[in-house]
Protein backbone atom coordinates (compact mmCIF):
# COMPACT_ATOMS: atom_id res chain seq x y z
CA MET A 1 68.95 -3.46 -6.10
CA PRO A 2 66.75 -3.18 -2.96
CA HIS A 3 63.08 -2.48 -3.51
CA ALA A 4 63.33 0.74 -1.49
CA PHE A 5 65.32 2.30 -4.33
CA ASN A 6 62.79 1.32 -6.99
CA GLU A 7 59.46 2.44 -5.56
CA ASN A 8 59.54 5.95 -7.08
CA LEU A 9 61.91 5.28 -9.96
CA ALA A 10 60.63 6.78 -13.21
CA GLU A 11 59.55 4.08 -15.66
CA ASN A 12 58.89 6.21 -18.76
CA ARG A 13 62.01 5.60 -20.87
CA TYR A 14 62.39 6.24 -24.60
CA PHE A 15 64.89 7.18 -27.28
CA ASP A 16 65.12 10.92 -27.81
CA PRO A 17 65.51 11.51 -31.57
CA TYR A 18 66.81 15.08 -31.14
CA TRP A 19 69.59 14.30 -28.66
CA LYS A 20 70.03 10.77 -30.06
CA VAL A 21 70.31 9.25 -26.59
CA GLU A 22 68.18 7.21 -24.23
CA ALA A 23 65.88 9.43 -22.16
CA ALA A 24 63.82 9.11 -19.00
CA LYS A 25 60.77 11.28 -18.34
CA ILE A 26 60.39 12.21 -14.66
CA LEU A 27 56.82 12.77 -13.45
CA PRO A 28 55.75 14.37 -10.13
CA GLY A 29 56.82 12.18 -7.22
CA GLU A 30 59.42 10.28 -9.27
CA TYR A 31 63.19 10.30 -9.62
CA PHE A 32 65.79 8.66 -11.84
CA VAL A 33 69.54 8.06 -11.74
CA SER A 34 71.96 7.23 -14.52
CA ALA A 35 75.57 6.13 -14.69
CA HIS A 36 75.85 6.42 -18.48
CA GLY A 37 74.97 8.87 -21.24
CA MET A 38 71.27 9.68 -20.90
CA VAL A 39 69.07 12.74 -20.78
CA LEU A 40 66.55 13.18 -17.96
CA VAL A 41 63.50 15.23 -18.89
CA THR A 42 60.72 16.81 -16.88
CA VAL A 43 58.23 19.68 -16.99
CA LEU A 44 57.90 21.77 -13.83
CA GLY A 45 55.21 24.10 -12.60
CA SER A 46 55.00 24.60 -8.83
CA CYS A 47 57.11 21.48 -8.25
CA VAL A 48 60.89 21.58 -8.00
CA ALA A 49 63.54 19.29 -9.43
CA ALA A 50 66.96 18.76 -7.91
CA CYS A 51 69.61 17.51 -10.33
CA ILE A 52 72.51 16.06 -8.35
CA ARG A 53 75.67 14.45 -9.68
CA ASP A 54 79.10 13.21 -8.62
CA THR A 55 81.46 15.47 -10.54
CA GLY A 56 84.22 12.87 -10.58
CA LYS A 57 82.28 9.73 -11.41
CA GLY A 58 79.68 11.16 -13.81
CA VAL A 59 76.76 9.46 -12.09
CA GLY A 60 73.77 11.69 -11.47
CA GLY A 61 70.03 11.92 -11.18
CA MET A 62 66.94 14.07 -10.92
CA ASN A 63 63.90 14.13 -8.68
CA HIS A 64 60.59 15.98 -9.10
CA PHE A 65 58.62 16.80 -5.97
CA MET A 66 56.32 19.19 -4.14
CA LEU A 67 55.70 19.86 -0.47
CA PRO A 68 52.10 19.29 0.62
CA ASP A 69 50.06 22.45 1.07
CA GLY A 70 50.43 24.07 4.46
CA GLY A 71 53.07 23.64 7.12
CA SER A 72 56.37 25.38 7.64
CA LEU A 73 59.82 24.92 6.20
CA ASP A 74 61.03 23.34 9.45
CA ARG A 75 62.82 20.16 8.32
CA SER A 76 61.33 18.25 11.27
CA GLY A 77 57.76 19.12 10.24
CA VAL A 78 55.43 16.56 8.67
CA SER A 79 54.96 18.62 5.49
CA THR A 80 58.67 19.03 4.85
CA ARG A 81 59.35 15.33 5.37
CA TYR A 82 58.02 14.76 1.84
CA GLY A 83 60.82 16.91 0.48
CA VAL A 84 63.41 15.33 2.76
CA TYR A 85 62.33 11.89 1.55
CA ALA A 86 62.54 12.95 -2.12
CA MET A 87 66.04 14.32 -1.62
CA GLU A 88 67.39 11.46 0.47
CA VAL A 89 66.07 8.72 -1.79
CA LEU A 90 67.91 10.35 -4.73
CA ILE A 91 71.16 10.88 -2.82
CA ASN A 92 71.07 7.34 -1.39
CA HIS A 93 70.66 5.86 -4.86
CA LEU A 94 73.59 7.90 -6.19
CA ILE A 95 75.81 6.70 -3.34
CA LYS A 96 74.64 3.15 -4.01
CA LEU A 97 76.04 3.58 -7.55
CA GLY A 98 79.39 4.76 -6.23
CA ALA A 99 78.96 8.52 -5.84
CA ARG A 100 80.80 10.23 -2.98
CA ARG A 101 79.17 12.94 -0.89
CA ASN A 102 82.18 15.25 -1.06
CA ARG A 103 81.95 15.33 -4.88
CA LEU A 104 78.22 16.03 -5.18
CA GLU A 105 76.92 19.19 -6.83
CA ALA A 106 73.35 20.30 -7.46
CA LYS A 107 71.34 22.29 -9.97
CA VAL A 108 67.78 23.19 -8.96
CA PHE A 109 64.77 24.27 -10.97
CA GLY A 110 61.06 25.04 -10.74
CA GLY A 111 58.93 26.45 -7.96
CA GLY A 112 56.94 28.70 -10.27
CA ALA A 113 53.66 30.38 -9.31
CA VAL A 114 51.75 28.73 -12.13
CA LEU A 115 48.74 27.06 -10.49
CA SER A 116 46.06 29.50 -9.41
CA SER A 117 44.63 26.91 -7.02
CA LEU A 118 47.95 26.84 -5.14
CA ALA A 119 48.89 30.50 -5.44
CA SER A 120 47.53 31.50 -2.04
CA SER A 121 49.75 28.99 -0.25
CA LYS A 122 52.84 30.10 -2.19
CA VAL A 123 53.69 26.42 -2.63
CA GLY A 124 56.19 27.15 -5.42
CA ALA A 125 58.15 29.54 -3.21
CA ARG A 126 58.01 27.05 -0.32
CA ASN A 127 59.36 24.31 -2.58
CA ALA A 128 62.19 26.56 -3.78
CA GLY A 129 63.05 27.62 -0.23
CA PHE A 130 63.07 24.04 0.95
CA VAL A 131 65.44 22.73 -1.73
CA ARG A 132 67.90 25.58 -1.16
CA ASP A 133 67.84 25.10 2.62
CA TYR A 134 68.16 21.33 2.39
CA LEU A 135 71.20 21.42 0.11
CA LYS A 136 72.87 24.10 2.22
CA ALA A 137 72.37 22.00 5.35
CA GLU A 138 73.83 18.94 3.58
CA ASN A 139 76.83 20.91 2.26
CA ILE A 140 75.96 20.12 -1.35
CA PRO A 141 76.78 23.21 -3.42
CA ILE A 142 74.17 24.61 -5.80
CA VAL A 143 76.12 25.47 -8.94
CA ALA A 144 73.11 26.64 -10.97
CA GLU A 145 69.45 27.40 -10.36
CA ASP A 146 66.35 28.65 -12.12
CA LEU A 147 63.64 28.98 -9.48
CA LEU A 148 60.40 30.92 -8.94
CA GLY A 149 58.83 33.08 -11.64
CA SER A 150 55.42 32.66 -13.25
CA HIS A 151 56.02 30.21 -16.11
CA PRO A 152 56.31 26.43 -16.32
CA ARG A 153 59.67 25.05 -17.42
CA LYS A 154 60.81 22.12 -19.50
CA LEU A 155 64.11 20.77 -18.19
CA TYR A 156 66.71 18.56 -19.87
CA TYR A 157 69.53 17.25 -17.66
CA PHE A 158 72.56 15.23 -18.75
CA PRO A 159 73.93 13.55 -15.60
CA ASP A 160 77.27 12.49 -17.07
CA SER A 161 78.31 16.06 -17.95
CA GLY A 162 76.03 18.04 -15.63
CA ARG A 163 74.65 20.03 -18.56
CA ALA A 164 71.16 21.42 -17.95
CA LEU A 165 68.90 23.13 -20.46
CA VAL A 166 65.76 24.98 -19.42
CA LYS A 167 62.98 26.21 -21.70
CA LYS A 168 60.38 28.60 -20.29
CA LEU A 169 56.94 27.59 -21.50
CA HIS A 170 55.15 30.89 -22.03
CA GLN A 171 52.22 29.11 -23.64
CA MET A 172 50.97 25.68 -22.65
CA HIS A 173 49.11 23.96 -25.47
CA ASN A 174 47.38 21.58 -23.10
CA ASP A 175 46.75 21.31 -19.39
CA THR A 176 48.60 18.03 -18.81
CA LEU A 177 51.13 19.66 -16.47
CA PHE A 178 48.45 21.33 -14.39
CA VAL A 179 46.38 18.15 -14.13
CA ARG A 180 49.46 16.14 -13.05
CA GLU A 181 50.44 18.65 -10.39
CA ARG A 182 46.87 18.93 -9.05
CA VAL A 183 46.56 15.14 -8.82
CA TYR A 184 49.98 14.91 -7.17
CA GLN A 185 49.12 17.68 -4.68
CA ASP A 186 45.83 15.95 -3.82
CA ARG A 187 47.65 12.66 -3.28
CA LEU A 188 50.19 14.31 -0.97
CA SER A 189 47.55 16.12 1.03
CA GLY A 190 45.49 12.98 1.57
CA GLY A 191 48.17 10.36 2.05
CA ASP A 192 50.68 9.27 4.63
CA VAL A 193 54.24 10.51 4.63
CA GLU A 194 56.70 8.02 3.20
CA GLY A 195 58.78 6.05 5.68
CA ASP A 196 61.99 7.46 7.02
CA ILE A 197 65.08 6.99 4.90
CA GLU A 198 68.48 6.58 6.51
CA LEU A 199 70.99 8.62 4.56
CA PHE A 200 74.20 6.84 3.55
CA VAL A 201 77.35 8.66 4.68
């Protein structure tokens, strides 16, 4: 598999004792794809996750990303290119595993107003707006969504069946999520945009 498909691939894999399947934990800026029975897990605050699968082949994946603070939702803008990259790298990897564009469906989650430091920029709402607009432009139907709101979410996604379970986290027992998203936001704001990705058709 080419290196380009591995650079943001989630590496945190474990056996989930509750679901009794192999699991992958997706952190901010990462994605993962699976062609066999797995569960993909993430916790979302202001970030969004797109869960995309081929309904006929049962191959699917999840990303977890945020647009840098500032900028517009114009897909040609520098800020939005982070989101475009996150979406295209996931779709490209799915197609590499045999998915077909005309069978793709999406479920989207996150974009909550949960970080006070980002509230003024409405970054959660911008992330949610971006993922909806991107999928509409790419003719990938959104068959389920749980976006916006004021609470973090824990998301379980089963790519082979498309099943998604969302738990609203009304109380966070630690600040791990907030620290991860702040660090990720700082990295986006200070770094270069990833290189262009040519989308397979």
